[in-house]
Amino acid sequence: MSNPWLKKNPLMSMWLSAANSAAGSARGRMTAQARRAGTSAASSASSEWIKLWTTPPKPARSTPTTRVKKRR
């Protein structure tokens, strides 16, 4: 006796084909977004490190030696 679940079903075939197509499209979009995010993170990290090592230090602030308290 043959198994009825193994018979050809054109409706299920079309449905699975559409589901596979949608899943492939979603996977492609997620992969592209992850790649863009990784590239952006690497670029910003690189520019921050370059800015850290190439920016000259700021001169020390001159602070007044004596402060006069104001009366209220």
N, C-alpha and C. Protein backbone atom coordinates (compact mmCIF):
# COMPACT_ATOMS: atom_id res chain seq x y z
N MET A 1 0.85 -1.17 0.00
CA MET A 1 0.00 0.00 0.00
C MET A 1 0.90 1.24 0.00
N SER A 2 0.59 2.21 -0.83
CA SER A 2 1.41 3.42 -0.93
C SER A 2 1.01 4.44 0.14
N ASN A 3 1.96 5.21 0.52
CA ASN A 3 1.75 6.23 1.54
C ASN A 3 1.07 7.45 0.90
N PRO A 4 -0.10 7.89 1.42
CA PRO A 4 -0.78 9.03 0.79
C PRO A 4 -0.03 10.35 0.96
N TRP A 5 0.87 10.45 1.95
CA TRP A 5 1.62 11.68 2.17
C TRP A 5 2.72 11.88 1.13
N LEU A 6 3.05 10.81 0.41
CA LEU A 6 4.11 10.91 -0.59
C LEU A 6 3.57 11.20 -1.99
N LYS A 7 2.27 11.30 -2.16
CA LYS A 7 1.69 11.60 -3.47
C LYS A 7 1.95 13.06 -3.83
N LYS A 8 1.96 13.34 -5.12
CA LYS A 8 2.19 14.70 -5.58
C LYS A 8 0.98 15.56 -5.26
N ASN A 9 1.24 16.78 -4.79
CA ASN A 9 0.18 17.71 -4.45
C ASN A 9 0.58 19.07 -5.03
N PRO A 10 -0.02 19.47 -6.13
CA PRO A 10 0.41 20.73 -6.76
C PRO A 10 0.17 21.96 -5.89
N LEU A 11 -0.89 21.98 -5.10
CA LEU A 11 -1.15 23.12 -4.23
C LEU A 11 -0.06 23.26 -3.17
N MET A 12 0.30 22.14 -2.54
CA MET A 12 1.36 22.19 -1.53
C MET A 12 2.69 22.55 -2.17
N SER A 13 2.93 22.06 -3.37
CA SER A 13 4.17 22.37 -4.06
C SER A 13 4.28 23.87 -4.33
N MET A 14 3.20 24.48 -4.81
CA MET A 14 3.22 25.93 -5.06
C MET A 14 3.38 26.71 -3.77
N TRP A 15 2.70 26.26 -2.70
CA TRP A 15 2.77 26.96 -1.42
C TRP A 15 4.19 26.89 -0.86
N LEU A 16 4.81 25.70 -0.92
CA LEU A 16 6.17 25.56 -0.41
C LEU A 16 7.17 26.35 -1.26
N SER A 17 6.92 26.41 -2.56
CA SER A 17 7.80 27.18 -3.43
C SER A 17 7.73 28.67 -3.09
N ALA A 18 6.53 29.18 -2.86
CA ALA A 18 6.37 30.59 -2.48
C ALA A 18 6.99 30.86 -1.12
N ALA A 19 6.81 29.93 -0.17
CA ALA A 19 7.39 30.12 1.16
C ALA A 19 8.91 30.11 1.09
N ASN A 20 9.47 29.23 0.27
CA ASN A 20 10.92 29.16 0.11
C ASN A 20 11.45 30.44 -0.54
N SER A 21 10.73 30.96 -1.50
CA SER A 21 11.13 32.20 -2.16
C SER A 21 11.11 33.37 -1.17
N ALA A 22 10.07 33.45 -0.36
CA ALA A 22 9.97 34.53 0.63
C ALA A 22 11.07 34.42 1.68
N ALA A 23 11.36 33.18 2.11
CA ALA A 23 12.41 32.98 3.11
C ALA A 23 13.77 33.36 2.53
N GLY A 24 14.01 33.02 1.27
CA GLY A 24 15.28 33.38 0.63
C GLY A 24 15.44 34.88 0.50
N SER A 25 14.35 35.56 0.15
CA SER A 25 14.39 37.01 0.03
C SER A 25 14.67 37.66 1.39
N ALA A 26 13.99 37.18 2.43
CA ALA A 26 14.21 37.73 3.77
C ALA A 26 15.63 37.48 4.25
N ARG A 27 16.15 36.28 3.96
CA ARG A 27 17.52 35.97 4.37
C ARG A 27 18.51 36.88 3.66
N GLY A 28 18.27 37.15 2.38
CA GLY A 28 19.16 38.05 1.64
C GLY A 28 19.13 39.46 2.19
N ARG A 29 17.94 39.94 2.55
CA ARG A 29 17.84 41.29 3.13
C ARG A 29 18.54 41.36 4.48
N MET A 30 18.36 40.33 5.31
CA MET A 30 19.01 40.33 6.63
C MET A 30 20.53 40.27 6.49
N THR A 31 21.01 39.47 5.55
CA THR A 31 22.45 39.37 5.33
C THR A 31 23.02 40.71 4.87
N ALA A 32 22.32 41.36 3.96
CA ALA A 32 22.79 42.66 3.46
C ALA A 32 22.80 43.70 4.58
N GLN A 33 21.76 43.71 5.41
CA GLN A 33 21.70 44.67 6.51
C GLN A 33 22.81 44.41 7.53
N ALA A 34 23.06 43.13 7.83
CA ALA A 34 24.14 42.80 8.77
C ALA A 34 25.49 43.22 8.21
N ARG A 35 25.69 43.03 6.92
CA ARG A 35 26.95 43.43 6.29
C ARG A 35 27.12 44.95 6.34
N ARG A 36 26.03 45.68 6.05
CA ARG A 36 26.10 47.15 6.12
C ARG A 36 26.41 47.61 7.54
N ALA A 37 25.77 46.99 8.54
CA ALA A 37 26.00 47.38 9.93
C ALA A 37 27.44 47.09 10.34
N GLY A 38 27.97 45.95 9.93
CA GLY A 38 29.36 45.61 10.26
C GLY A 38 30.34 46.57 9.63
N THR A 39 30.10 46.91 8.37
CA THR A 39 30.98 47.86 7.68
C THR A 39 30.93 49.22 8.35
N SER A 40 29.73 49.65 8.73
CA SER A 40 29.57 50.95 9.39
C SER A 40 30.28 50.95 10.74
N ALA A 41 30.15 49.88 11.51
CA ALA A 41 30.79 49.80 12.82
C ALA A 41 32.31 49.81 12.68
N ALA A 42 32.83 49.07 11.73
CA ALA A 42 34.28 49.04 11.52
C ALA A 42 34.80 50.40 11.08
N SER A 43 34.06 51.06 10.22
CA SER A 43 34.47 52.38 9.73
C SER A 43 34.48 53.40 10.85
N SER A 44 33.43 53.42 11.67
CA SER A 44 33.38 54.39 12.76
C SER A 44 34.44 54.09 13.82
N ALA A 45 34.68 52.81 14.10
CA ALA A 45 35.72 52.46 15.07
C ALA A 45 37.09 52.89 14.56
N SER A 46 37.33 52.68 13.28
CA SER A 46 38.60 53.08 12.68
C SER A 46 38.80 54.59 12.76
N SER A 47 37.76 55.34 12.43
CA SER A 47 37.90 56.80 12.47
C SER A 47 38.07 57.30 13.90
N GLU A 48 37.42 56.65 14.86
CA GLU A 48 37.59 57.06 16.26
C GLU A 48 39.01 56.80 16.74
N TRP A 49 39.58 55.65 16.36
CA TRP A 49 40.96 55.36 16.76
C TRP A 49 41.93 56.33 16.11
N ILE A 50 41.70 56.64 14.84
CA ILE A 50 42.58 57.60 14.16
C ILE A 50 42.48 58.96 14.83
N LYS A 51 41.26 59.37 15.16
CA LYS A 51 41.07 60.66 15.82
C LYS A 51 41.74 60.66 17.20
N LEU A 52 41.67 59.53 17.91
CA LEU A 52 42.27 59.43 19.23
C LEU A 52 43.79 59.61 19.16
N TRP A 53 44.43 58.96 18.19
CA TRP A 53 45.88 58.97 18.13
C TRP A 53 46.46 60.16 17.38
N THR A 54 45.65 60.89 16.61
CA THR A 54 46.22 62.00 15.84
C THR A 54 45.83 63.37 16.36
N THR A 55 44.85 63.46 17.24
CA THR A 55 44.44 64.75 17.76
C THR A 55 45.42 65.20 18.84
N PRO A 56 45.97 66.41 18.71
CA PRO A 56 46.88 66.88 19.75
C PRO A 56 46.13 67.13 21.05
N PRO A 57 46.81 66.97 22.18
CA PRO A 57 46.13 67.20 23.45
C PRO A 57 45.78 68.67 23.63
N LYS A 58 44.71 68.91 24.34
CA LYS A 58 44.30 70.28 24.60
C LYS A 58 45.22 70.89 25.65
N PRO A 59 45.51 72.19 25.53
CA PRO A 59 46.34 72.83 26.55
C PRO A 59 45.59 72.87 27.89
N ALA A 60 46.37 72.88 28.97
CA ALA A 60 45.76 72.91 30.30
C ALA A 60 45.02 74.22 30.50
N ARG A 61 43.89 74.14 31.15
CA ARG A 61 43.12 75.34 31.44
C ARG A 61 43.81 76.15 32.51
N SER A 62 43.82 77.45 32.31
CA SER A 62 44.40 78.29 33.36
C SER A 62 43.33 78.54 34.41
N THR A 63 43.65 78.21 35.64
CA THR A 63 42.69 78.43 36.73
C THR A 63 43.17 79.60 37.57
N PRO A 64 42.28 80.40 38.05
CA PRO A 64 42.70 81.52 38.91
C PRO A 64 43.32 80.98 40.19
N THR A 65 44.37 81.68 40.65
CA THR A 65 45.07 81.20 41.85
C THR A 65 44.26 81.47 43.10
N THR A 66 43.58 82.60 43.17
CA THR A 66 42.75 82.89 44.34
C THR A 66 41.35 83.21 43.87
N ARG A 67 40.42 82.75 44.61
CA ARG A 67 39.03 83.04 44.28
C ARG A 67 38.47 83.96 45.34
N VAL A 68 37.78 84.94 44.89
CA VAL A 68 37.16 85.89 45.81
C VAL A 68 35.70 85.49 45.96
N LYS A 69 35.30 85.28 47.21
CA LYS A 69 33.91 84.92 47.44
C LYS A 69 33.04 86.16 47.36
N LYS A 70 31.95 86.04 46.69
CA LYS A 70 31.03 87.16 46.56
C LYS A 70 30.09 87.17 47.75
N ARG A 71 29.78 88.39 48.21
CA ARG A 71 28.80 88.52 49.28
C ARG A 71 27.42 88.54 48.68
N ARG A 72 26.50 88.03 49.41
CA ARG A 72 25.12 88.04 48.93
C ARG A 72 24.35 89.17 49.49
